[in-house]
Amino acid sequence: DIKHTKDIVYIQITAAIGRDVNKKRKLYRQ
């Protein structure tokens, strides 16, 4: 249910393990 356009941007982050789900959720939003 999310519409995508030609302006799409892919971001891949590789990081050391250790952050909880809430931290990850906040990161994506920010």
PDB file of all heavy atoms in Angstrom:
ATOM      1  N   ASP A   1       0.812  -1.227   0.000  1.00  0.00           N
ATOM      2  CA  ASP A   1       0.000   0.000   0.000  1.00  0.00           C
ATOM      3  C   ASP A   1       0.845   1.276   0.000  1.00  0.00           C
ATOM      4  O   ASP A   1       0.371   2.334   0.409  1.00  0.00           O
ATOM      5  CB  ASP A   1      -0.980   0.030   1.175  1.00  0.00           C
ATOM      6  CG  ASP A   1      -2.026  -1.069   1.084  1.00  0.00           C
ATOM      7  OD1 ASP A   1      -2.455  -1.390  -0.049  1.00  0.00           O
ATOM      8  OD2 ASP A   1      -2.407  -1.613   2.138  1.00  0.00           O
ATOM      9  N   ILE A   2       2.078   1.184  -0.431  1.00  0.00           N
ATOM     10  CA  ILE A   2       2.956   2.350  -0.540  1.00  0.00           C
ATOM     11  C   ILE A   2       3.265   2.554  -2.016  1.00  0.00           C
ATOM     12  O   ILE A   2       3.781   1.657  -2.682  1.00  0.00           O
ATOM     13  CB  ILE A   2       4.271   2.144   0.245  1.00  0.00           C
ATOM     14  CG1 ILE A   2       3.972   1.854   1.712  1.00  0.00           C
ATOM     15  CG2 ILE A   2       5.186   3.355   0.094  1.00  0.00           C
ATOM     16  CD1 ILE A   2       5.169   1.379   2.504  1.00  0.00           C
ATOM     17  N   LYS A   3       2.945   3.739  -2.520  1.00  0.00           N
ATOM     18  CA  LYS A   3       3.192   4.052  -3.930  1.00  0.00           C
ATOM     19  C   LYS A   3       4.629   4.537  -4.102  1.00  0.00           C
ATOM     20  O   LYS A   3       5.134   5.315  -3.291  1.00  0.00           O
ATOM     21  CB  LYS A   3       2.210   5.122  -4.406  1.00  0.00           C
ATOM     22  CG  LYS A   3       0.785   4.625  -4.427  1.00  0.00           C
ATOM     23  CD  LYS A   3      -0.156   5.678  -4.983  1.00  0.00           C
ATOM     24  CE  LYS A   3      -1.579   5.292  -4.730  1.00  0.00           C
ATOM     25  NZ  LYS A   3      -2.223   4.489  -5.646  1.00  0.00           N
ATOM     26  N   HIS A   4       5.270   4.049  -5.170  1.00  0.00           N
ATOM     27  CA  HIS A   4       6.636   4.441  -5.482  1.00  0.00           C
ATOM     28  C   HIS A   4       6.672   5.132  -6.841  1.00  0.00           C
ATOM     29  O   HIS A   4       5.879   4.806  -7.724  1.00  0.00           O
ATOM     30  CB  HIS A   4       7.553   3.212  -5.492  1.00  0.00           C
ATOM     31  CG  HIS A   4       7.620   2.539  -4.167  1.00  0.00           C
ATOM     32  ND1 HIS A   4       7.076   1.303  -3.946  1.00  0.00           N
ATOM     33  CD2 HIS A   4       8.131   2.938  -2.987  1.00  0.00           C
ATOM     34  CE1 HIS A   4       7.269   0.957  -2.687  1.00  0.00           C
ATOM     35  NE2 HIS A   4       7.900   1.937  -2.082  1.00  0.00           N
ATOM     36  N   THR A   5       7.622   6.051  -6.987  1.00  0.00           N
ATOM     37  CA  THR A   5       7.763   6.803  -8.235  1.00  0.00           C
ATOM     38  C   THR A   5       9.185   6.673  -8.760  1.00  0.00           C
ATOM     39  O   THR A   5      10.047   6.045  -8.131  1.00  0.00           O
ATOM     40  CB  THR A   5       7.448   8.300  -8.020  1.00  0.00           C
ATOM     41  OG1 THR A   5       8.533   8.902  -7.295  1.00  0.00           O
ATOM     42  CG2 THR A   5       6.134   8.498  -7.271  1.00  0.00           C
ATOM     43  N   LYS A   6       9.444   7.329  -9.861  1.00  0.00           N
ATOM     44  CA  LYS A   6      10.774   7.328 -10.474  1.00  0.00           C
ATOM     45  C   LYS A   6      11.822   7.983  -9.570  1.00  0.00           C
ATOM     46  O   LYS A   6      13.017   7.876  -9.804  1.00  0.00           O
ATOM     47  CB  LYS A   6      10.742   8.045 -11.816  1.00  0.00           C
ATOM     48  CG  LYS A   6      10.377   9.507 -11.704  1.00  0.00           C
ATOM     49  CD  LYS A   6      10.407  10.195 -13.045  1.00  0.00           C
ATOM     50  CE  LYS A   6      10.014  11.645 -12.937  1.00  0.00           C
ATOM     51  NZ  LYS A   6      10.614  12.412 -11.885  1.00  0.00           N
ATOM     52  N   ASP A   7      11.378   8.634  -8.493  1.00  0.00           N
ATOM     53  CA  ASP A   7      12.282   9.305  -7.557  1.00  0.00           C
ATOM     54  C   ASP A   7      12.826   8.362  -6.479  1.00  0.00           C
ATOM     55  O   ASP A   7      13.505   8.815  -5.554  1.00  0.00           O
ATOM     56  CB  ASP A   7      11.554  10.470  -6.873  1.00  0.00           C
ATOM     57  CG  ASP A   7      11.153  11.550  -7.860  1.00  0.00           C
ATOM     58  OD1 ASP A   7      11.852  11.728  -8.876  1.00  0.00           O
ATOM     59  OD2 ASP A   7      10.125  12.205  -7.616  1.00  0.00           O
ATOM     60  N   ILE A   8      12.560   7.084  -6.603  1.00  0.00           N
ATOM     61  CA  ILE A   8      12.941   6.097  -5.586  1.00  0.00           C
ATOM     62  C   ILE A   8      14.442   6.159  -5.275  1.00  0.00           C
ATOM     63  O   ILE A   8      15.268   6.395  -6.153  1.00  0.00           O
ATOM     64  CB  ILE A   8      12.516   4.676  -6.018  1.00  0.00           C
ATOM     65  CG1 ILE A   8      12.432   3.754  -4.824  1.00  0.00           C
ATOM     66  CG2 ILE A   8      13.411   4.138  -7.117  1.00  0.00           C
ATOM     67  CD1 ILE A   8      11.619   2.495  -5.089  1.00  0.00           C
ATOM     68  N   VAL A   9      14.752   5.967  -3.994  1.00  0.00           N
ATOM     69  CA  VAL A   9      16.131   5.945  -3.508  1.00  0.00           C
ATOM     70  C   VAL A   9      16.274   4.720  -2.613  1.00  0.00           C
ATOM     71  O   VAL A   9      15.479   4.516  -1.694  1.00  0.00           O
ATOM     72  CB  VAL A   9      16.463   7.220  -2.693  1.00  0.00           C
ATOM     73  CG1 VAL A   9      17.851   7.119  -2.083  1.00  0.00           C
ATOM     74  CG2 VAL A   9      16.341   8.469  -3.560  1.00  0.00           C
ATOM     75  N   TYR A  10      17.294   3.909  -2.895  1.00  0.00           N
ATOM     76  CA  TYR A  10      17.571   2.730  -2.075  1.00  0.00           C
ATOM     77  C   TYR A  10      18.730   3.046  -1.133  1.00  0.00           C
ATOM     78  O   TYR A  10      19.773   3.545  -1.570  1.00  0.00           O
ATOM     79  CB  TYR A  10      17.960   1.532  -2.946  1.00  0.00           C
ATOM     80  CG  TYR A  10      16.850   1.028  -3.827  1.00  0.00           C
ATOM     81  CD1 TYR A  10      16.811   1.351  -5.180  1.00  0.00           C
ATOM     82  CD2 TYR A  10      15.849   0.216  -3.320  1.00  0.00           C
ATOM     83  CE1 TYR A  10      15.791   0.879  -6.001  1.00  0.00           C
ATOM     84  CE2 TYR A  10      14.833  -0.266  -4.139  1.00  0.00           C
ATOM     85  CZ  TYR A  10      14.814   0.071  -5.473  1.00  0.00           C
ATOM     86  OH  TYR A  10      13.802  -0.405  -6.276  1.00  0.00           O
ATOM     87  N   ILE A  11      18.548   2.740   0.142  1.00  0.00           N
ATOM     88  CA  ILE A  11      19.590   2.963   1.137  1.00  0.00           C
ATOM     89  C   ILE A  11      19.842   1.643   1.850  1.00  0.00           C
ATOM     90  O   ILE A  11      18.937   1.062   2.445  1.00  0.00           O
ATOM     91  CB  ILE A  11      19.174   4.051   2.143  1.00  0.00           C
ATOM     92  CG1 ILE A  11      18.941   5.372   1.407  1.00  0.00           C
ATOM     93  CG2 ILE A  11      20.230   4.193   3.234  1.00  0.00           C
ATOM     94  CD1 ILE A  11      18.260   6.421   2.232  1.00  0.00           C
ATOM     95  N   GLN A  12      21.071   1.180   1.765  1.00  0.00           N
ATOM     96  CA  GLN A  12      21.472  -0.061   2.431  1.00  0.00           C
ATOM     97  C   GLN A  12      22.518   0.293   3.470  1.00  0.00           C
ATOM     98  O   GLN A  12      23.532   0.910   3.149  1.00  0.00           O
ATOM     99  CB  GLN A  12      22.043  -1.042   1.415  1.00  0.00           C
ATOM    100  CG  GLN A  12      22.517  -2.337   2.009  1.00  0.00           C
ATOM    101  CD  GLN A  12      23.071  -3.265   0.942  1.00  0.00           C
ATOM    102  OE1 GLN A  12      22.510  -3.409  -0.128  1.00  0.00           O
ATOM    103  NE2 GLN A  12      24.193  -3.872   1.232  1.00  0.00           N
ATOM    104  N   ILE A  13      22.257  -0.079   4.708  1.00  0.00           N
ATOM    105  CA  ILE A  13      23.164   0.224   5.806  1.00  0.00           C
ATOM    106  C   ILE A  13      23.660  -1.089   6.391  1.00  0.00           C
ATOM    107  O   ILE A  13      22.859  -1.935   6.793  1.00  0.00           O
ATOM    108  CB  ILE A  13      22.455   1.039   6.901  1.00  0.00           C
ATOM    109  CG1 ILE A  13      21.886   2.347   6.317  1.00  0.00           C
ATOM    110  CG2 ILE A  13      23.403   1.313   8.067  1.00  0.00           C
ATOM    111  CD1 ILE A  13      20.909   3.049   7.241  1.00  0.00           C
ATOM    112  N   THR A  14      24.973  -1.256   6.435  1.00  0.00           N
ATOM    113  CA  THR A  14      25.572  -2.406   7.103  1.00  0.00           C
ATOM    114  C   THR A  14      26.171  -1.886   8.399  1.00  0.00           C
ATOM    115  O   THR A  14      26.953  -0.928   8.392  1.00  0.00           O
ATOM    116  CB  THR A  14      26.661  -3.059   6.230  1.00  0.00           C
ATOM    117  OG1 THR A  14      26.104  -3.398   4.958  1.00  0.00           O
ATOM    118  CG2 THR A  14      27.221  -4.301   6.897  1.00  0.00           C
ATOM    119  N   ALA A  15      25.779  -2.483   9.514  1.00  0.00           N
ATOM    120  CA  ALA A  15      26.244  -2.024  10.823  1.00  0.00           C
ATOM    121  C   ALA A  15      26.379  -3.208  11.763  1.00  0.00           C
ATOM    122  O   ALA A  15      25.748  -4.248  11.561  1.00  0.00           O
ATOM    123  CB  ALA A  15      25.253  -1.006  11.409  1.00  0.00           C
ATOM    124  N   ALA A  16      27.184  -3.019  12.790  1.00  0.00           N
ATOM    125  CA  ALA A  16      27.344  -4.061  13.796  1.00  0.00           C
ATOM    126  C   ALA A  16      26.019  -4.292  14.518  1.00  0.00           C
ATOM    127  O   ALA A  16      25.263  -3.364  14.767  1.00  0.00           O
ATOM    128  CB  ALA A  16      28.437  -3.674  14.787  1.00  0.00           C
ATOM    129  N   ILE A  17      25.758  -5.532  14.827  1.00  0.00           N
ATOM    130  CA  ILE A  17      24.525  -5.927  15.512  1.00  0.00           C
ATOM    131  C   ILE A  17      24.478  -5.307  16.907  1.00  0.00           C
ATOM    132  O   ILE A  17      25.514  -5.045  17.503  1.00  0.00           O
ATOM    133  CB  ILE A  17      24.433  -7.467  15.586  1.00  0.00           C
ATOM    134  CG1 ILE A  17      23.029  -7.909  15.912  1.00  0.00           C
ATOM    135  CG2 ILE A  17      25.449  -8.026  16.533  1.00  0.00           C
ATOM    136  CD1 ILE A  17      22.788  -9.384  15.645  1.00  0.00           C
ATOM    137  N   GLY A  18      23.257  -5.058  17.397  1.00  0.00           N
ATOM    138  CA  GLY A  18      23.157  -4.606  18.770  1.00  0.00           C
ATOM    139  C   GLY A  18      22.091  -3.566  19.052  1.00  0.00           C
ATOM    140  O   GLY A  18      21.922  -3.172  20.196  1.00  0.00           O
ATOM    141  N   ARG A  19      21.369  -3.107  18.040  1.00  0.00           N
ATOM    142  CA  ARG A  19      20.318  -2.117  18.296  1.00  0.00           C
ATOM    143  C   ARG A  19      18.964  -2.805  18.348  1.00  0.00           C
ATOM    144  O   ARG A  19      18.694  -3.717  17.575  1.00  0.00           O
ATOM    145  CB  ARG A  19      20.294  -1.046  17.210  1.00  0.00           C
ATOM    146  CG  ARG A  19      21.351   0.025  17.397  1.00  0.00           C
ATOM    147  CD  ARG A  19      22.502  -0.243  16.559  1.00  0.00           C
ATOM    148  NE  ARG A  19      23.536   0.785  16.692  1.00  0.00           N
ATOM    149  CZ  ARG A  19      24.663   0.668  16.048  1.00  0.00           C
ATOM    150  NH1 ARG A  19      24.894  -0.365  15.278  1.00  0.00           N
ATOM    151  NH2 ARG A  19      25.578   1.599  16.174  1.00  0.00           N
ATOM    152  N   ASP A  20      18.096  -2.326  19.225  1.00  0.00           N
ATOM    153  CA  ASP A  20      16.785  -2.939  19.340  1.00  0.00           C
ATOM    154  C   ASP A  20      15.843  -2.420  18.244  1.00  0.00           C
ATOM    155  O   ASP A  20      16.164  -1.487  17.513  1.00  0.00           O
ATOM    156  CB  ASP A  20      16.194  -2.741  20.738  1.00  0.00           C
ATOM    157  CG  ASP A  20      15.925  -1.284  21.086  1.00  0.00           C
ATOM    158  OD1 ASP A  20      15.592  -0.476  20.197  1.00  0.00           O
ATOM    159  OD2 ASP A  20      16.034  -0.949  22.281  1.00  0.00           O
ATOM    160  N   VAL A  21      14.687  -3.048  18.164  1.00  0.00           N
ATOM    161  CA  VAL A  21      13.705  -2.732  17.123  1.00  0.00           C
ATOM    162  C   VAL A  21      13.277  -1.269  17.179  1.00  0.00           C
ATOM    163  O   VAL A  21      13.117  -0.619  16.149  1.00  0.00           O
ATOM    164  CB  VAL A  21      12.481  -3.677  17.234  1.00  0.00           C
ATOM    165  CG1 VAL A  21      11.363  -3.241  16.314  1.00  0.00           C
ATOM    166  CG2 VAL A  21      12.891  -5.108  16.946  1.00  0.00           C
ATOM    167  N   ASN A  22      13.097  -0.741  18.375  1.00  0.00           N
ATOM    168  CA  ASN A  22      12.676   0.646  18.513  1.00  0.00           C
ATOM    169  C   ASN A  22      13.717   1.608  17.932  1.00  0.00           C
ATOM    170  O   ASN A  22      13.380   2.578  17.262  1.00  0.00           O
ATOM    171  CB  ASN A  22      12.394   0.977  19.981  1.00  0.00           C
ATOM    172  CG  ASN A  22      11.664   2.281  20.144  1.00  0.00           C
ATOM    173  OD1 ASN A  22      10.734   2.587  19.397  1.00  0.00           O
ATOM    174  ND2 ASN A  22      12.089   3.057  21.126  1.00  0.00           N
ATOM    175  N   LYS A  23      14.999   1.363  18.197  1.00  0.00           N
ATOM    176  CA  LYS A  23      16.085   2.187  17.639  1.00  0.00           C
ATOM    177  C   LYS A  23      16.052   2.145  16.115  1.00  0.00           C
ATOM    178  O   LYS A  23      16.232   3.161  15.452  1.00  0.00           O
ATOM    179  CB  LYS A  23      17.445   1.699  18.132  1.00  0.00           C
ATOM    180  CG  LYS A  23      17.830   2.215  19.460  1.00  0.00           C
ATOM    181  CD  LYS A  23      18.571   3.511  19.274  1.00  0.00           C
ATOM    182  CE  LYS A  23      19.102   3.973  20.600  1.00  0.00           C
ATOM    183  NZ  LYS A  23      19.224   5.404  20.665  1.00  0.00           N
ATOM    184  N   LYS A  24      15.856   0.953  15.573  1.00  0.00           N
ATOM    185  CA  LYS A  24      15.823   0.799  14.119  1.00  0.00           C
ATOM    186  C   LYS A  24      14.623   1.550  13.534  1.00  0.00           C
ATOM    187  O   LYS A  24      14.749   2.241  12.520  1.00  0.00           O
ATOM    188  CB  LYS A  24      15.764  -0.683  13.752  1.00  0.00           C
ATOM    189  CG  LYS A  24      17.021  -1.435  14.131  1.00  0.00           C
ATOM    190  CD  LYS A  24      16.842  -2.918  13.902  1.00  0.00           C
ATOM    191  CE  LYS A  24      17.993  -3.702  14.495  1.00  0.00           C
ATOM    192  NZ  LYS A  24      17.833  -5.146  14.297  1.00  0.00           N
ATOM    193  N   ARG A  25      13.477   1.407  14.169  1.00  0.00           N
ATOM    194  CA  ARG A  25      12.266   2.103  13.709  1.00  0.00           C
ATOM    195  C   ARG A  25      12.496   3.615  13.692  1.00  0.00           C
ATOM    196  O   ARG A  25      12.147   4.303  12.736  1.00  0.00           O
ATOM    197  CB  ARG A  25      11.088   1.745  14.617  1.00  0.00           C
ATOM    198  CG  ARG A  25       9.773   2.329  14.173  1.00  0.00           C
ATOM    199  CD  ARG A  25       8.610   1.868  15.048  1.00  0.00           C
ATOM    200  NE  ARG A  25       8.322   0.454  14.779  1.00  0.00           N
ATOM    201  CZ  ARG A  25       8.412  -0.538  15.661  1.00  0.00           C
ATOM    202  NH1 ARG A  25       8.775  -0.298  16.898  1.00  0.00           N
ATOM    203  NH2 ARG A  25       8.128  -1.777  15.331  1.00  0.00           N
ATOM    204  N   LYS A  26      13.106   4.141  14.750  1.00  0.00           N
ATOM    205  CA  LYS A  26      13.399   5.576  14.826  1.00  0.00           C
ATOM    206  C   LYS A  26      14.395   5.991  13.744  1.00  0.00           C
ATOM    207  O   LYS A  26      14.270   7.068  13.154  1.00  0.00           O
ATOM    208  CB  LYS A  26      13.946   5.936  16.208  1.00  0.00           C
ATOM    209  CG  LYS A  26      12.900   5.923  17.290  1.00  0.00           C
ATOM    210  CD  LYS A  26      13.529   6.278  18.625  1.00  0.00           C
ATOM    211  CE  LYS A  26      12.508   6.310  19.734  1.00  0.00           C
ATOM    212  NZ  LYS A  26      13.108   6.664  21.027  1.00  0.00           N
ATOM    213  N   LEU A  27      15.388   5.145  13.488  1.00  0.00           N
ATOM    214  CA  LEU A  27      16.367   5.451  12.440  1.00  0.00           C
ATOM    215  C   LEU A  27      15.681   5.567  11.084  1.00  0.00           C
ATOM    216  O   LEU A  27      15.897   6.536  10.357  1.00  0.00           O
ATOM    217  CB  LEU A  27      17.454   4.377  12.380  1.00  0.00           C
ATOM    218  CG  LEU A  27      18.454   4.560  11.233  1.00  0.00           C
ATOM    219  CD1 LEU A  27      19.341   5.773  11.474  1.00  0.00           C
ATOM    220  CD2 LEU A  27      19.285   3.300  11.042  1.00  0.00           C
ATOM    221  N   TYR A  28      14.855   4.590  10.730  1.00  0.00           N
ATOM    222  CA  TYR A  28      14.178   4.614   9.427  1.00  0.00           C
ATOM    223  C   TYR A  28      13.335   5.873   9.281  1.00  0.00           C
ATOM    224  O   TYR A  28      13.352   6.543   8.250  1.00  0.00           O
ATOM    225  CB  TYR A  28      13.286   3.383   9.243  1.00  0.00           C
ATOM    226  CG  TYR A  28      13.985   2.052   9.409  1.00  0.00           C
ATOM    227  CD1 TYR A  28      13.281   0.936   9.839  1.00  0.00           C
ATOM    228  CD2 TYR A  28      15.339   1.896   9.152  1.00  0.00           C
ATOM    229  CE1 TYR A  28      13.897  -0.297   9.998  1.00  0.00           C
ATOM    230  CE2 TYR A  28      15.966   0.672   9.311  1.00  0.00           C
ATOM    231  CZ  TYR A  28      15.240  -0.416   9.737  1.00  0.00           C
ATOM    232  OH  TYR A  28      15.854  -1.627   9.890  1.00  0.00           O
ATOM    233  N   ARG A  29      12.591   6.199  10.324  1.00  0.00           N
ATOM    234  CA  ARG A  29      11.736   7.383  10.282  1.00  0.00           C
ATOM    235  C   ARG A  29      12.583   8.651  10.132  1.00  0.00           C
ATOM    236  O   ARG A  29      12.265   9.528   9.354  1.00  0.00           O
ATOM    237  CB  ARG A  29      10.871   7.466  11.534  1.00  0.00           C
ATOM    238  CG  ARG A  29       9.914   8.648  11.515  1.00  0.00           C
ATOM    239  CD  ARG A  29       8.847   8.611  12.566  1.00  0.00           C
ATOM    240  NE  ARG A  29       8.115   7.365  12.688  1.00  0.00           N
ATOM    241  CZ  ARG A  29       7.176   6.937  11.847  1.00  0.00           C
ATOM    242  NH1 ARG A  29       6.846   7.661  10.816  1.00  0.00           N
ATOM    243  NH2 ARG A  29       6.560   5.800  12.058  1.00  0.00           N
ATOM    244  N   GLN A  30      13.671   8.730  10.893  1.00  0.00           N
ATOM    245  CA  GLN A  30      14.495   9.939  10.854  1.00  0.00           C
ATOM    246  C   GLN A  30      15.189  10.101   9.502  1.00  0.00           C
ATOM    247  O   GLN A  30      15.283  11.216   8.987  1.00  0.00           O
ATOM    248  CB  GLN A  30      15.523   9.925  11.985  1.00  0.00           C
ATOM    249  CG  GLN A  30      16.148  11.273  12.223  1.00  0.00           C
ATOM    250  CD  GLN A  30      15.117  12.323  12.601  1.00  0.00           C
ATOM    251  OE1 GLN A  30      14.341  12.134  13.529  1.00  0.00           O
ATOM    252  NE2 GLN A  30      15.075  13.429  11.868  1.00  0.00           N
TER     253      GLN A  30
END
